[in-house]
């Protein structure tokens, strides 16, 4: 919880900072990351192809598999408005919440909350919809996998080959939803938040 976050961020009303007291923009109620490393059962001393030949030792054996699964709640969304409260241009202006944004609409894959529940404040009135908890973005659930093997080179030095797959399931997880009260895009999820599937091959030399 805070009243402002980020560099050079000015609060809406310096005489009443609690108007913008809300979850921080970077807040995630839950953020669980589960990871593990598994030694594949191939090669010398393992269950399968356990001979001591060059092929088993240098090519088939010694591979490791790892995974990282994230389970994260969505971040809160702010609804802004035109500044009719004062003559300053150096702060954000927020809308007013007039009903429950979780009800009174048909939720779809792209419409996250009811945009009709937010209105432009009257002249001289400050809004209160900074990082509204009821309008959080959907959660993130990316799955990352890696396959890697380390080769001994000289003394304690090693060469590691890695094949990494980020967001391997390529399941789209959309984000966004913020904007100005009355905007036709308010409440709409407009971008892919977790990243598309990305494959990467790399070599790392350790010395």
N, C-alpha and C. Protein backbone atom coordinates (compact mmCIF):
# COMPACT_ATOMS: atom_id res chain seq x y z
N UNK A 1 0.85 -1.19 0.00
CA UNK A 1 0.00 0.00 0.00
C UNK A 1 0.88 1.24 0.00
N UNK A 2 0.51 2.24 -0.81
CA UNK A 2 1.23 3.51 -0.81
C UNK A 2 0.34 4.59 -1.39
N UNK A 3 0.85 5.82 -1.42
CA UNK A 3 0.09 6.92 -2.01
C UNK A 3 0.67 7.34 -3.36
N UNK A 4 1.88 6.88 -3.68
CA UNK A 4 2.52 7.17 -4.96
C UNK A 4 3.70 6.23 -5.10
N UNK A 5 4.03 5.87 -6.34
CA UNK A 5 5.22 5.06 -6.55
C UNK A 5 5.82 5.42 -7.90
N UNK A 6 7.11 5.15 -8.05
CA UNK A 6 7.81 5.53 -9.26
C UNK A 6 8.56 6.84 -9.06
N UNK A 7 9.58 7.06 -9.87
CA UNK A 7 10.37 8.28 -9.78
C UNK A 7 9.56 9.49 -10.24
N UNK A 8 9.72 10.59 -9.54
CA UNK A 8 9.10 11.87 -9.91
C UNK A 8 7.59 11.77 -10.05
N UNK A 9 6.97 10.96 -9.18
CA UNK A 9 5.52 10.82 -9.20
C UNK A 9 4.91 11.76 -8.17
N UNK A 10 3.98 12.59 -8.59
CA UNK A 10 3.32 13.53 -7.69
C UNK A 10 1.93 13.02 -7.33
N UNK A 11 1.54 13.17 -6.07
CA UNK A 11 0.22 12.72 -5.64
C UNK A 11 -0.85 13.67 -6.14
N UNK A 12 -2.07 13.20 -6.16
CA UNK A 12 -3.17 13.96 -6.74
C UNK A 12 -3.48 15.24 -5.94
N UNK A 13 -3.62 15.11 -4.63
CA UNK A 13 -3.97 16.26 -3.79
C UNK A 13 -3.01 16.28 -2.59
N UNK A 14 -2.09 17.23 -2.56
CA UNK A 14 -1.09 17.26 -1.48
C UNK A 14 -1.71 17.56 -0.12
N UNK A 15 -2.94 18.10 -0.10
CA UNK A 15 -3.61 18.40 1.16
C UNK A 15 -4.40 17.20 1.68
N UNK A 16 -4.60 16.19 0.84
CA UNK A 16 -5.34 15.00 1.25
C UNK A 16 -4.72 13.77 0.58
N UNK A 17 -3.51 13.40 1.00
CA UNK A 17 -2.82 12.29 0.32
C UNK A 17 -3.53 10.95 0.42
N UNK A 18 -4.42 10.79 1.40
CA UNK A 18 -5.11 9.50 1.54
C UNK A 18 -6.08 9.23 0.39
N UNK A 19 -6.36 10.22 -0.44
CA UNK A 19 -7.22 9.98 -1.61
C UNK A 19 -6.61 8.93 -2.53
N UNK A 20 -5.30 8.87 -2.57
CA UNK A 20 -4.64 7.92 -3.46
C UNK A 20 -3.97 6.79 -2.68
N UNK A 21 -4.35 6.57 -1.42
CA UNK A 21 -3.82 5.46 -0.66
C UNK A 21 -4.45 4.18 -1.17
N UNK A 22 -3.65 3.31 -1.75
CA UNK A 22 -4.17 2.12 -2.43
C UNK A 22 -3.03 1.12 -2.62
N UNK A 23 -3.34 -0.06 -3.15
CA UNK A 23 -2.23 -0.98 -3.47
C UNK A 23 -1.25 -0.33 -4.44
N UNK A 24 0.02 -0.61 -4.25
CA UNK A 24 1.05 -0.05 -5.14
C UNK A 24 0.87 -0.59 -6.56
N UNK A 25 1.34 0.15 -7.53
CA UNK A 25 1.18 -0.25 -8.92
C UNK A 25 1.84 -1.59 -9.22
N UNK A 26 2.90 -1.92 -8.48
CA UNK A 26 3.62 -3.17 -8.70
C UNK A 26 3.13 -4.30 -7.81
N UNK A 27 2.07 -4.07 -7.04
CA UNK A 27 1.59 -5.07 -6.09
C UNK A 27 1.00 -6.29 -6.79
N UNK A 28 1.39 -7.46 -6.30
CA UNK A 28 0.75 -8.73 -6.67
C UNK A 28 0.41 -9.44 -5.37
N UNK A 29 -0.87 -9.70 -5.13
CA UNK A 29 -1.28 -10.31 -3.86
C UNK A 29 -0.56 -11.63 -3.62
N UNK A 30 -0.43 -12.43 -4.67
CA UNK A 30 0.29 -13.70 -4.58
C UNK A 30 1.27 -13.78 -5.74
N UNK A 31 2.46 -14.27 -5.45
CA UNK A 31 3.46 -14.48 -6.50
C UNK A 31 4.29 -15.70 -6.10
N UNK A 32 3.85 -16.86 -6.57
CA UNK A 32 4.49 -18.13 -6.23
C UNK A 32 5.32 -18.58 -7.43
N UNK A 33 6.57 -18.96 -7.17
CA UNK A 33 7.44 -19.50 -8.21
C UNK A 33 7.97 -20.85 -7.75
N UNK A 34 7.68 -21.88 -8.55
CA UNK A 34 8.08 -23.25 -8.24
C UNK A 34 9.14 -23.67 -9.25
N UNK A 35 10.27 -24.13 -8.78
CA UNK A 35 11.35 -24.51 -9.69
C UNK A 35 11.97 -25.82 -9.24
N UNK A 36 12.64 -26.49 -10.17
CA UNK A 36 13.31 -27.74 -9.85
C UNK A 36 14.31 -28.11 -10.93
N UNK A 37 15.25 -28.97 -10.57
CA UNK A 37 16.27 -29.47 -11.49
C UNK A 37 16.27 -30.99 -11.40
N UNK A 38 16.29 -31.66 -12.55
CA UNK A 38 16.26 -33.12 -12.60
C UNK A 38 17.42 -33.61 -13.45
N UNK A 39 18.22 -34.51 -12.90
CA UNK A 39 19.31 -35.14 -13.65
C UNK A 39 18.72 -36.28 -14.48
N UNK A 40 18.80 -36.17 -15.80
CA UNK A 40 18.24 -37.21 -16.66
C UNK A 40 19.02 -38.52 -16.47
N UNK A 41 18.32 -39.66 -16.44
CA UNK A 41 18.96 -40.95 -16.07
C UNK A 41 19.68 -41.62 -17.23
N UNK A 42 20.56 -40.88 -17.91
CA UNK A 42 21.30 -41.43 -19.03
C UNK A 42 22.80 -41.18 -18.82
N UNK A 43 23.62 -42.15 -19.25
CA UNK A 43 25.06 -41.97 -19.18
C UNK A 43 25.71 -42.80 -18.09
N UNK A 44 27.02 -42.71 -17.96
CA UNK A 44 27.76 -43.50 -16.97
C UNK A 44 27.23 -43.29 -15.56
N UNK A 45 27.01 -44.42 -14.86
CA UNK A 45 26.50 -44.36 -13.49
C UNK A 45 25.02 -44.12 -13.39
N UNK A 46 24.33 -44.01 -14.51
CA UNK A 46 22.88 -43.77 -14.49
C UNK A 46 22.14 -45.06 -14.88
N UNK A 47 20.83 -44.99 -14.94
CA UNK A 47 20.01 -46.18 -15.17
C UNK A 47 20.06 -46.66 -16.61
N UNK A 48 20.13 -45.73 -17.55
CA UNK A 48 20.08 -46.09 -18.96
C UNK A 48 21.38 -45.68 -19.66
N UNK A 49 21.70 -46.41 -20.78
CA UNK A 49 22.93 -46.19 -21.56
C UNK A 49 24.10 -45.82 -20.65
N UNK A 50 24.36 -46.69 -19.69
CA UNK A 50 25.32 -46.37 -18.64
C UNK A 50 26.72 -46.90 -18.90
N UNK A 51 27.01 -47.22 -20.16
CA UNK A 51 28.36 -47.63 -20.47
C UNK A 51 29.33 -46.47 -20.39
N UNK A 52 30.62 -46.79 -20.34
CA UNK A 52 31.62 -45.74 -20.16
C UNK A 52 32.24 -45.25 -21.45
N UNK A 53 31.60 -45.56 -22.60
CA UNK A 53 32.15 -45.14 -23.87
C UNK A 53 32.04 -43.64 -24.09
N UNK A 54 32.78 -43.17 -25.10
CA UNK A 54 32.82 -41.74 -25.40
C UNK A 54 31.43 -41.20 -25.74
N UNK A 55 30.64 -41.95 -26.51
CA UNK A 55 29.30 -41.50 -26.90
C UNK A 55 28.41 -41.31 -25.68
N UNK A 56 28.41 -42.33 -24.80
CA UNK A 56 27.56 -42.23 -23.61
C UNK A 56 28.04 -41.12 -22.67
N UNK A 57 29.35 -40.96 -22.55
CA UNK A 57 29.91 -40.01 -21.59
C UNK A 57 29.77 -38.56 -22.06
N UNK A 58 30.06 -38.32 -23.33
CA UNK A 58 30.13 -36.94 -23.81
C UNK A 58 28.88 -36.45 -24.53
N UNK A 59 28.07 -37.38 -25.07
CA UNK A 59 26.91 -36.95 -25.86
C UNK A 59 25.60 -37.26 -25.16
N UNK A 60 25.39 -38.51 -24.74
CA UNK A 60 24.10 -38.92 -24.20
C UNK A 60 23.95 -38.66 -22.70
N UNK A 61 25.05 -38.72 -21.96
CA UNK A 61 24.97 -38.59 -20.51
C UNK A 61 25.21 -37.17 -20.01
N UNK A 62 24.85 -36.97 -18.74
CA UNK A 62 25.14 -35.70 -18.07
C UNK A 62 24.15 -34.58 -18.33
N UNK A 63 23.02 -34.87 -18.96
CA UNK A 63 22.04 -33.82 -19.24
C UNK A 63 21.17 -33.56 -18.01
N UNK A 64 20.80 -32.31 -17.85
CA UNK A 64 19.90 -31.90 -16.77
C UNK A 64 18.71 -31.14 -17.33
N UNK A 65 17.59 -31.29 -16.64
CA UNK A 65 16.34 -30.64 -17.05
C UNK A 65 15.86 -29.77 -15.89
N UNK A 66 15.42 -28.56 -16.18
CA UNK A 66 14.91 -27.69 -15.11
C UNK A 66 13.63 -27.01 -15.58
N UNK A 67 12.84 -26.57 -14.62
CA UNK A 67 11.58 -25.88 -14.93
C UNK A 67 11.37 -24.75 -13.93
N UNK A 68 10.61 -23.76 -14.36
CA UNK A 68 10.19 -22.66 -13.50
C UNK A 68 8.74 -22.35 -13.82
N UNK A 69 7.87 -22.52 -12.83
CA UNK A 69 6.45 -22.25 -12.99
C UNK A 69 6.06 -21.07 -12.09
N UNK A 70 5.52 -20.02 -12.69
CA UNK A 70 5.08 -18.86 -11.93
C UNK A 70 3.56 -18.85 -11.83
N UNK A 71 3.06 -18.53 -10.65
CA UNK A 71 1.62 -18.37 -10.39
C UNK A 71 1.46 -17.03 -9.70
N UNK A 72 1.08 -16.00 -10.45
CA UNK A 72 1.08 -14.65 -9.92
C UNK A 72 -0.28 -13.98 -10.10
N UNK A 73 -0.75 -13.29 -9.08
CA UNK A 73 -1.96 -12.49 -9.18
C UNK A 73 -1.71 -11.28 -10.08
N UNK A 74 -2.78 -10.75 -10.63
CA UNK A 74 -2.67 -9.58 -11.49
C UNK A 74 -2.41 -8.30 -10.70
N UNK A 75 -1.83 -7.33 -11.38
CA UNK A 75 -1.59 -6.02 -10.77
C UNK A 75 -2.85 -5.15 -10.84
N UNK A 76 -2.99 -4.18 -9.92
CA UNK A 76 -4.18 -3.31 -9.95
C UNK A 76 -4.17 -2.37 -11.13
N UNK A 77 -5.35 -1.85 -11.45
CA UNK A 77 -5.54 -0.97 -12.60
C UNK A 77 -6.06 0.38 -12.11
N UNK A 78 -5.51 1.46 -12.66
CA UNK A 78 -5.99 2.81 -12.36
C UNK A 78 -6.89 3.31 -13.49
N UNK A 79 -7.89 4.11 -13.12
CA UNK A 79 -8.75 4.76 -14.10
C UNK A 79 -8.57 6.27 -13.94
N UNK A 80 -8.08 6.91 -14.96
CA UNK A 80 -7.79 8.34 -14.89
C UNK A 80 -8.96 9.18 -15.40
N UNK A 81 -8.82 10.49 -15.25
CA UNK A 81 -9.86 11.43 -15.70
C UNK A 81 -9.18 12.73 -16.10
N UNK A 82 -9.94 13.60 -16.72
CA UNK A 82 -9.43 14.93 -17.06
C UNK A 82 -9.33 15.76 -15.78
N UNK A 83 -8.28 16.58 -15.69
CA UNK A 83 -8.08 17.38 -14.48
C UNK A 83 -8.95 18.63 -14.52
N UNK A 84 -10.05 18.57 -13.78
CA UNK A 84 -10.91 19.74 -13.60
C UNK A 84 -10.95 20.18 -12.14
N UNK A 85 -9.98 19.63 -11.34
CA UNK A 85 -9.97 19.92 -9.91
C UNK A 85 -9.08 21.10 -9.56
N UNK A 86 -7.98 21.31 -10.32
CA UNK A 86 -7.09 22.42 -10.03
C UNK A 86 -6.36 22.80 -11.32
N UNK A 87 -5.43 23.70 -11.21
CA UNK A 87 -4.73 24.19 -12.42
C UNK A 87 -3.38 23.52 -12.63
N UNK A 88 -3.05 22.52 -11.80
CA UNK A 88 -1.75 21.86 -11.94
C UNK A 88 -1.77 20.87 -13.10
N UNK A 89 -0.60 20.68 -13.72
CA UNK A 89 -0.44 19.68 -14.77
C UNK A 89 0.53 18.58 -14.35
N UNK A 90 1.04 18.66 -13.11
CA UNK A 90 2.15 17.80 -12.69
C UNK A 90 1.71 16.58 -11.90
N UNK A 91 0.44 16.24 -11.94
CA UNK A 91 -0.01 15.05 -11.22
C UNK A 91 -1.11 14.36 -12.03
N UNK A 92 -1.31 13.09 -11.70
CA UNK A 92 -2.39 12.35 -12.34
C UNK A 92 -3.72 12.73 -11.71
N UNK A 93 -4.78 12.59 -12.50
CA UNK A 93 -6.14 12.84 -12.02
C UNK A 93 -6.93 11.55 -12.21
N UNK A 94 -7.67 11.16 -11.18
CA UNK A 94 -8.36 9.88 -11.23
C UNK A 94 -9.87 10.05 -11.28
N UNK A 95 -10.53 9.02 -11.79
CA UNK A 95 -11.99 9.04 -11.93
C UNK A 95 -12.67 8.72 -10.60
N UNK A 96 -14.00 8.76 -10.61
CA UNK A 96 -14.81 8.35 -9.46
C UNK A 96 -15.43 6.99 -9.76
N UNK A 97 -15.48 6.13 -8.76
CA UNK A 97 -16.13 4.82 -8.91
C UNK A 97 -17.58 4.95 -8.49
N UNK A 98 -18.50 4.64 -9.40
CA UNK A 98 -19.93 4.86 -9.14
C UNK A 98 -20.71 3.58 -8.89
N UNK A 99 -20.12 2.41 -9.14
CA UNK A 99 -20.79 1.13 -8.90
C UNK A 99 -19.71 0.05 -8.80
N UNK A 100 -20.14 -1.17 -8.60
CA UNK A 100 -19.19 -2.29 -8.48
C UNK A 100 -18.71 -2.69 -9.88
N UNK A 101 -17.44 -2.48 -10.20
CA UNK A 101 -16.97 -2.78 -11.56
C UNK A 101 -16.91 -4.26 -11.89
N UNK A 102 -17.16 -5.13 -10.90
CA UNK A 102 -17.17 -6.56 -11.17
C UNK A 102 -18.55 -7.08 -11.58
N UNK A 103 -19.56 -6.23 -11.56
CA UNK A 103 -20.92 -6.67 -11.87
C UNK A 103 -21.54 -5.77 -12.93
N UNK A 104 -22.69 -6.21 -13.46
CA UNK A 104 -23.44 -5.41 -14.42
C UNK A 104 -22.90 -5.43 -15.83
N UNK A 105 -22.10 -6.43 -16.19
CA UNK A 105 -21.56 -6.52 -17.54
C UNK A 105 -21.27 -7.98 -17.85
N UNK A 106 -21.04 -8.28 -19.11
CA UNK A 106 -20.68 -9.64 -19.53
C UNK A 106 -19.18 -9.72 -19.70
N UNK A 107 -18.56 -10.47 -18.82
CA UNK A 107 -17.10 -10.59 -18.89
C UNK A 107 -16.70 -11.48 -20.05
N UNK A 108 -15.70 -11.04 -20.79
CA UNK A 108 -15.16 -11.82 -21.90
C UNK A 108 -13.66 -11.98 -21.70
N UNK A 109 -13.03 -12.61 -22.67
CA UNK A 109 -11.59 -12.80 -22.58
C UNK A 109 -10.85 -11.47 -22.60
N UNK A 110 -11.47 -10.45 -23.20
CA UNK A 110 -10.79 -9.16 -23.36
C UNK A 110 -11.41 -8.04 -22.51
N UNK A 111 -12.64 -8.18 -22.06
CA UNK A 111 -13.27 -7.15 -21.22
C UNK A 111 -13.16 -7.59 -19.77
N UNK A 112 -12.38 -6.84 -18.98
CA UNK A 112 -12.00 -7.29 -17.64
C UNK A 112 -12.92 -6.76 -16.55
N UNK A 113 -13.54 -5.59 -16.75
CA UNK A 113 -14.44 -5.03 -15.74
C UNK A 113 -15.43 -4.11 -16.43
N UNK A 114 -16.41 -3.62 -15.68
CA UNK A 114 -17.47 -2.79 -16.21
C UNK A 114 -16.99 -1.34 -16.33
N UNK A 115 -16.75 -0.84 -17.53
CA UNK A 115 -16.24 0.53 -17.67
C UNK A 115 -17.27 1.60 -17.30
N UNK A 116 -18.56 1.22 -17.28
CA UNK A 116 -19.61 2.20 -16.95
C UNK A 116 -19.59 2.59 -15.48
N UNK A 117 -18.78 1.90 -14.66
CA UNK A 117 -18.74 2.20 -13.23
C UNK A 117 -17.76 3.32 -12.88
N UNK A 118 -17.21 3.98 -13.89
CA UNK A 118 -16.24 5.05 -13.63
C UNK A 118 -16.68 6.32 -14.35
N UNK A 119 -16.59 7.45 -13.64
CA UNK A 119 -17.09 8.70 -14.19
C UNK A 119 -16.10 9.83 -13.95
N UNK A 120 -16.18 10.84 -14.79
CA UNK A 120 -15.40 12.05 -14.65
C UNK A 120 -15.87 12.84 -13.41
N UNK A 121 -14.98 13.21 -12.47
CA UNK A 121 -15.40 13.99 -11.31
C UNK A 121 -15.90 15.38 -11.73
N UNK A 122 -16.77 15.94 -10.92
CA UNK A 122 -17.25 17.30 -11.15
C UNK A 122 -16.11 18.29 -10.94
N UNK A 123 -16.20 19.50 -11.49
CA UNK A 123 -15.14 20.50 -11.29
C UNK A 123 -14.85 20.73 -9.81
N UNK A 124 -13.57 20.75 -9.47
CA UNK A 124 -13.15 20.96 -8.10
C UNK A 124 -13.10 19.71 -7.25
N UNK A 125 -13.43 18.56 -7.84
CA UNK A 125 -13.46 17.29 -7.09
C UNK A 125 -12.35 16.38 -7.59
N UNK A 126 -11.65 15.75 -6.64
CA UNK A 126 -10.61 14.79 -6.98
C UNK A 126 -11.19 13.38 -6.99
N UNK A 127 -10.67 12.54 -7.88
CA UNK A 127 -11.11 11.16 -7.97
C UNK A 127 -10.36 10.25 -7.01
N UNK A 128 -10.81 8.99 -6.94
CA UNK A 128 -10.27 8.05 -5.96
C UNK A 128 -9.93 6.69 -6.57
N UNK A 129 -9.77 6.62 -7.88
CA UNK A 129 -9.62 5.29 -8.51
C UNK A 129 -8.17 5.00 -8.92
N UNK A 130 -7.24 5.34 -8.06
CA UNK A 130 -5.86 4.92 -8.29
C UNK A 130 -5.70 3.47 -7.83
N UNK A 131 -5.27 2.60 -8.74
CA UNK A 131 -4.98 1.20 -8.44
C UNK A 131 -6.13 0.53 -7.68
N UNK A 132 -7.28 0.51 -8.30
CA UNK A 132 -8.47 -0.07 -7.68
C UNK A 132 -8.32 -1.60 -7.63
N UNK A 133 -8.46 -2.18 -6.44
CA UNK A 133 -8.27 -3.63 -6.30
C UNK A 133 -9.30 -4.42 -7.09
N UNK A 134 -10.51 -3.87 -7.23
CA UNK A 134 -11.57 -4.59 -7.94
C UNK A 134 -11.31 -4.67 -9.45
N UNK A 135 -10.36 -3.90 -9.95
CA UNK A 135 -10.09 -3.90 -11.39
C UNK A 135 -8.70 -4.45 -11.70
N UNK A 136 -8.26 -5.43 -10.93
CA UNK A 136 -6.94 -6.02 -11.20
C UNK A 136 -6.90 -6.72 -12.55
N UNK A 137 -5.73 -6.71 -13.14
CA UNK A 137 -5.51 -7.45 -14.36
C UNK A 137 -5.55 -8.95 -14.07
N UNK A 138 -5.77 -9.79 -15.09
CA UNK A 138 -5.70 -11.24 -14.86
C UNK A 138 -4.31 -11.66 -14.40
N UNK A 139 -4.24 -12.83 -13.79
CA UNK A 139 -2.96 -13.33 -13.30
C UNK A 139 -2.06 -13.82 -14.41
N UNK A 140 -0.82 -14.14 -14.03
CA UNK A 140 0.18 -14.65 -14.97
C UNK A 140 0.59 -16.06 -14.55
N UNK A 141 0.69 -16.97 -15.55
CA UNK A 141 1.03 -18.36 -15.25
C UNK A 141 2.02 -18.93 -16.27
N UNK A 142 3.12 -18.25 -16.56
CA UNK A 142 4.06 -18.76 -17.57
C UNK A 142 4.85 -19.97 -17.07
N UNK A 143 5.19 -20.85 -18.00
CA UNK A 143 5.99 -22.04 -17.71
C UNK A 143 7.27 -21.97 -18.53
N UNK A 144 8.43 -22.02 -17.86
CA UNK A 144 9.74 -21.98 -18.53
C UNK A 144 10.45 -23.31 -18.32
N UNK A 145 11.05 -23.85 -19.38
CA UNK A 145 11.78 -25.11 -19.32
C UNK A 145 13.19 -24.93 -19.85
N UNK A 146 14.12 -25.72 -19.34
CA UNK A 146 15.52 -25.67 -19.80
C UNK A 146 16.09 -27.08 -19.86
N UNK A 147 16.94 -27.31 -20.85
CA UNK A 147 17.72 -28.54 -20.97
C UNK A 147 19.17 -28.13 -21.13
N UNK A 148 20.07 -28.68 -20.30
CA UNK A 148 21.45 -28.20 -20.35
C UNK A 148 22.42 -29.31 -19.97
N UNK A 149 23.66 -29.13 -20.40
CA UNK A 149 24.73 -30.09 -20.11
C UNK A 149 26.03 -29.31 -19.94
N UNK A 150 26.84 -29.73 -18.97
CA UNK A 150 28.10 -29.09 -18.68
C UNK A 150 29.25 -30.01 -19.07
N UNK A 151 30.19 -29.49 -19.87
CA UNK A 151 31.36 -30.25 -20.31
C UNK A 151 32.60 -29.72 -19.59
N UNK A 152 33.40 -30.63 -19.06
CA UNK A 152 34.68 -30.23 -18.46
C UNK A 152 35.67 -29.94 -19.58
N UNK A 153 36.45 -28.86 -19.45
CA UNK A 153 37.41 -28.49 -20.49
C UNK A 153 38.83 -28.56 -19.96
N UNK A 154 39.23 -27.62 -19.13
CA UNK A 154 40.61 -27.57 -18.64
C UNK A 154 40.60 -27.28 -17.15
N UNK A 155 41.12 -28.21 -16.37
CA UNK A 155 41.13 -28.09 -14.92
C UNK A 155 39.71 -27.85 -14.41
N UNK A 156 39.51 -26.72 -13.69
CA UNK A 156 38.18 -26.47 -13.13
C UNK A 156 37.26 -25.73 -14.09
N UNK A 157 37.72 -25.47 -15.30
CA UNK A 157 36.92 -24.72 -16.26
C UNK A 157 35.89 -25.64 -16.93
N UNK A 158 34.74 -25.03 -17.30
CA UNK A 158 33.63 -25.79 -17.87
C UNK A 158 32.95 -25.01 -18.98
N UNK A 159 32.35 -25.75 -19.91
CA UNK A 159 31.54 -25.18 -20.98
C UNK A 159 30.13 -25.75 -20.84
N UNK A 160 29.16 -24.87 -20.74
CA UNK A 160 27.77 -25.31 -20.57
C UNK A 160 26.95 -24.95 -21.80
N UNK A 161 26.23 -25.93 -22.31
CA UNK A 161 25.27 -25.71 -23.40
C UNK A 161 23.86 -25.71 -22.81
N UNK A 162 23.04 -24.74 -23.23
CA UNK A 162 21.67 -24.63 -22.72
C UNK A 162 20.69 -24.45 -23.86
N UNK A 163 19.54 -25.09 -23.71
CA UNK A 163 18.39 -24.87 -24.58
C UNK A 163 17.24 -24.44 -23.67
N UNK A 164 16.80 -23.19 -23.80
CA UNK A 164 15.76 -22.64 -22.93
C UNK A 164 14.50 -22.36 -23.72
N UNK A 165 13.36 -22.65 -23.10
CA UNK A 165 12.05 -22.36 -23.70
C UNK A 165 11.26 -21.53 -22.70
N UNK A 166 11.01 -20.27 -23.02
CA UNK A 166 10.25 -19.38 -22.15
C UNK A 166 8.79 -19.36 -22.61
N UNK A 167 7.87 -19.43 -21.65
CA UNK A 167 6.44 -19.51 -21.95
C UNK A 167 6.17 -20.64 -22.95
N UNK A 168 6.64 -21.83 -22.58
CA UNK A 168 6.64 -22.98 -23.49
C UNK A 168 5.24 -23.35 -23.96
N UNK A 169 4.22 -23.16 -23.14
CA UNK A 169 2.85 -23.53 -23.53
C UNK A 169 2.23 -22.52 -24.48
N UNK A 170 2.88 -21.34 -24.61
CA UNK A 170 2.41 -20.30 -25.52
C UNK A 170 0.94 -19.95 -25.28
N UNK A 171 0.56 -19.94 -24.00
CA UNK A 171 -0.83 -19.62 -23.63
C UNK A 171 -0.96 -18.12 -23.43
N UNK A 172 -1.74 -17.43 -24.26
CA UNK A 172 -1.83 -15.97 -24.14
C UNK A 172 -2.47 -15.54 -22.82
N UNK A 173 -1.84 -14.61 -22.16
CA UNK A 173 -2.35 -14.03 -20.91
C UNK A 173 -2.36 -12.53 -21.10
N UNK A 174 -3.54 -11.96 -21.20
CA UNK A 174 -3.68 -10.57 -21.60
C UNK A 174 -3.67 -9.63 -20.41
N UNK A 175 -3.16 -8.42 -20.64
CA UNK A 175 -3.07 -7.41 -19.60
C UNK A 175 -3.60 -6.07 -20.10
N UNK A 176 -3.62 -5.11 -19.20
CA UNK A 176 -4.12 -3.78 -19.53
C UNK A 176 -5.42 -3.50 -18.80
N UNK A 177 -6.29 -2.74 -19.42
CA UNK A 177 -7.60 -2.44 -18.84
C UNK A 177 -7.74 -1.02 -18.35
N UNK A 178 -6.60 -0.35 -18.10
CA UNK A 178 -6.67 1.03 -17.60
C UNK A 178 -6.98 2.02 -18.70
N UNK A 179 -7.08 3.28 -18.30
CA UNK A 179 -7.36 4.33 -19.27
C UNK A 179 -8.18 5.43 -18.65
N UNK A 180 -8.68 6.30 -19.49
CA UNK A 180 -9.45 7.45 -19.05
C UNK A 180 -10.93 7.12 -18.97
N UNK A 181 -11.62 7.66 -17.97
CA UNK A 181 -13.06 7.45 -17.85
C UNK A 181 -13.76 7.92 -19.13
N UNK A 182 -14.60 7.08 -19.67
CA UNK A 182 -15.29 7.39 -20.92
C UNK A 182 -14.57 6.93 -22.16
N UNK A 183 -13.34 6.46 -22.03
CA UNK A 183 -12.60 5.97 -23.19
C UNK A 183 -13.22 4.67 -23.70
N UNK A 184 -13.32 4.49 -25.02
CA UNK A 184 -13.89 3.24 -25.55
C UNK A 184 -13.06 2.01 -25.25
N UNK A 185 -11.78 2.20 -24.88
CA UNK A 185 -10.92 1.05 -24.58
C UNK A 185 -10.82 0.77 -23.08
N UNK A 186 -11.53 1.54 -22.24
CA UNK A 186 -11.46 1.31 -20.81
C UNK A 186 -12.00 -0.07 -20.47
N UNK A 187 -11.24 -0.82 -19.68
CA UNK A 187 -11.64 -2.16 -19.29
C UNK A 187 -11.18 -3.25 -20.24
N UNK A 188 -10.68 -2.86 -21.41
CA UNK A 188 -10.26 -3.84 -22.40
C UNK A 188 -8.81 -4.26 -22.17
N UNK A 189 -8.56 -5.54 -22.25
CA UNK A 189 -7.19 -6.07 -22.16
C UNK A 189 -6.57 -5.97 -23.55
N UNK A 190 -5.51 -5.19 -23.68
CA UNK A 190 -5.04 -4.79 -25.00
C UNK A 190 -3.67 -5.33 -25.38
N UNK A 191 -2.99 -6.07 -24.49
CA UNK A 191 -1.67 -6.58 -24.86
C UNK A 191 -1.43 -7.92 -24.18
N UNK A 192 -0.48 -8.67 -24.73
CA UNK A 192 -0.11 -9.98 -24.19
C UNK A 192 0.92 -9.76 -23.09
N UNK A 193 0.59 -10.17 -21.87
CA UNK A 193 1.37 -9.76 -20.71
C UNK A 193 2.54 -10.69 -20.37
N UNK A 194 2.42 -11.97 -20.65
CA UNK A 194 3.45 -12.90 -20.19
C UNK A 194 4.53 -13.17 -21.23
N UNK A 195 4.35 -12.71 -22.46
CA UNK A 195 5.33 -12.96 -23.50
C UNK A 195 5.01 -14.21 -24.30
N UNK A 196 5.25 -14.16 -25.60
CA UNK A 196 5.03 -15.31 -26.45
C UNK A 196 6.13 -16.34 -26.25
N UNK A 197 5.88 -17.56 -26.74
CA UNK A 197 6.89 -18.60 -26.62
C UNK A 197 8.19 -18.16 -27.28
N UNK A 198 9.29 -18.29 -26.54
CA UNK A 198 10.61 -17.91 -27.05
C UNK A 198 11.59 -19.05 -26.79
N UNK A 199 12.30 -19.47 -27.83
CA UNK A 199 13.31 -20.52 -27.71
C UNK A 199 14.70 -19.90 -27.82
N UNK A 200 15.62 -20.37 -27.01
CA UNK A 200 16.95 -19.77 -26.96
C UNK A 200 18.01 -20.85 -26.78
N UNK A 201 19.05 -20.80 -27.57
CA UNK A 201 20.21 -21.68 -27.43
C UNK A 201 21.40 -20.82 -26.98
N UNK A 202 22.18 -21.32 -26.03
CA UNK A 202 23.29 -20.51 -25.53
C UNK A 202 24.44 -21.39 -25.08
N UNK A 203 25.65 -20.81 -25.05
CA UNK A 203 26.85 -21.43 -24.53
C UNK A 203 27.41 -20.52 -23.43
N UNK A 204 27.81 -21.12 -22.32
CA UNK A 204 28.39 -20.35 -21.22
C UNK A 204 29.71 -21.01 -20.81
N UNK A 205 30.75 -20.21 -20.79
CA UNK A 205 32.08 -20.73 -20.40
C UNK A 205 32.38 -20.26 -18.99
N UNK A 206 32.65 -21.20 -18.10
CA UNK A 206 32.92 -20.88 -16.70
C UNK A 206 34.41 -21.11 -16.41
N UNK A 207 35.05 -20.13 -15.81
CA UNK A 207 36.47 -20.25 -15.50
C UNK A 207 36.79 -19.48 -14.22
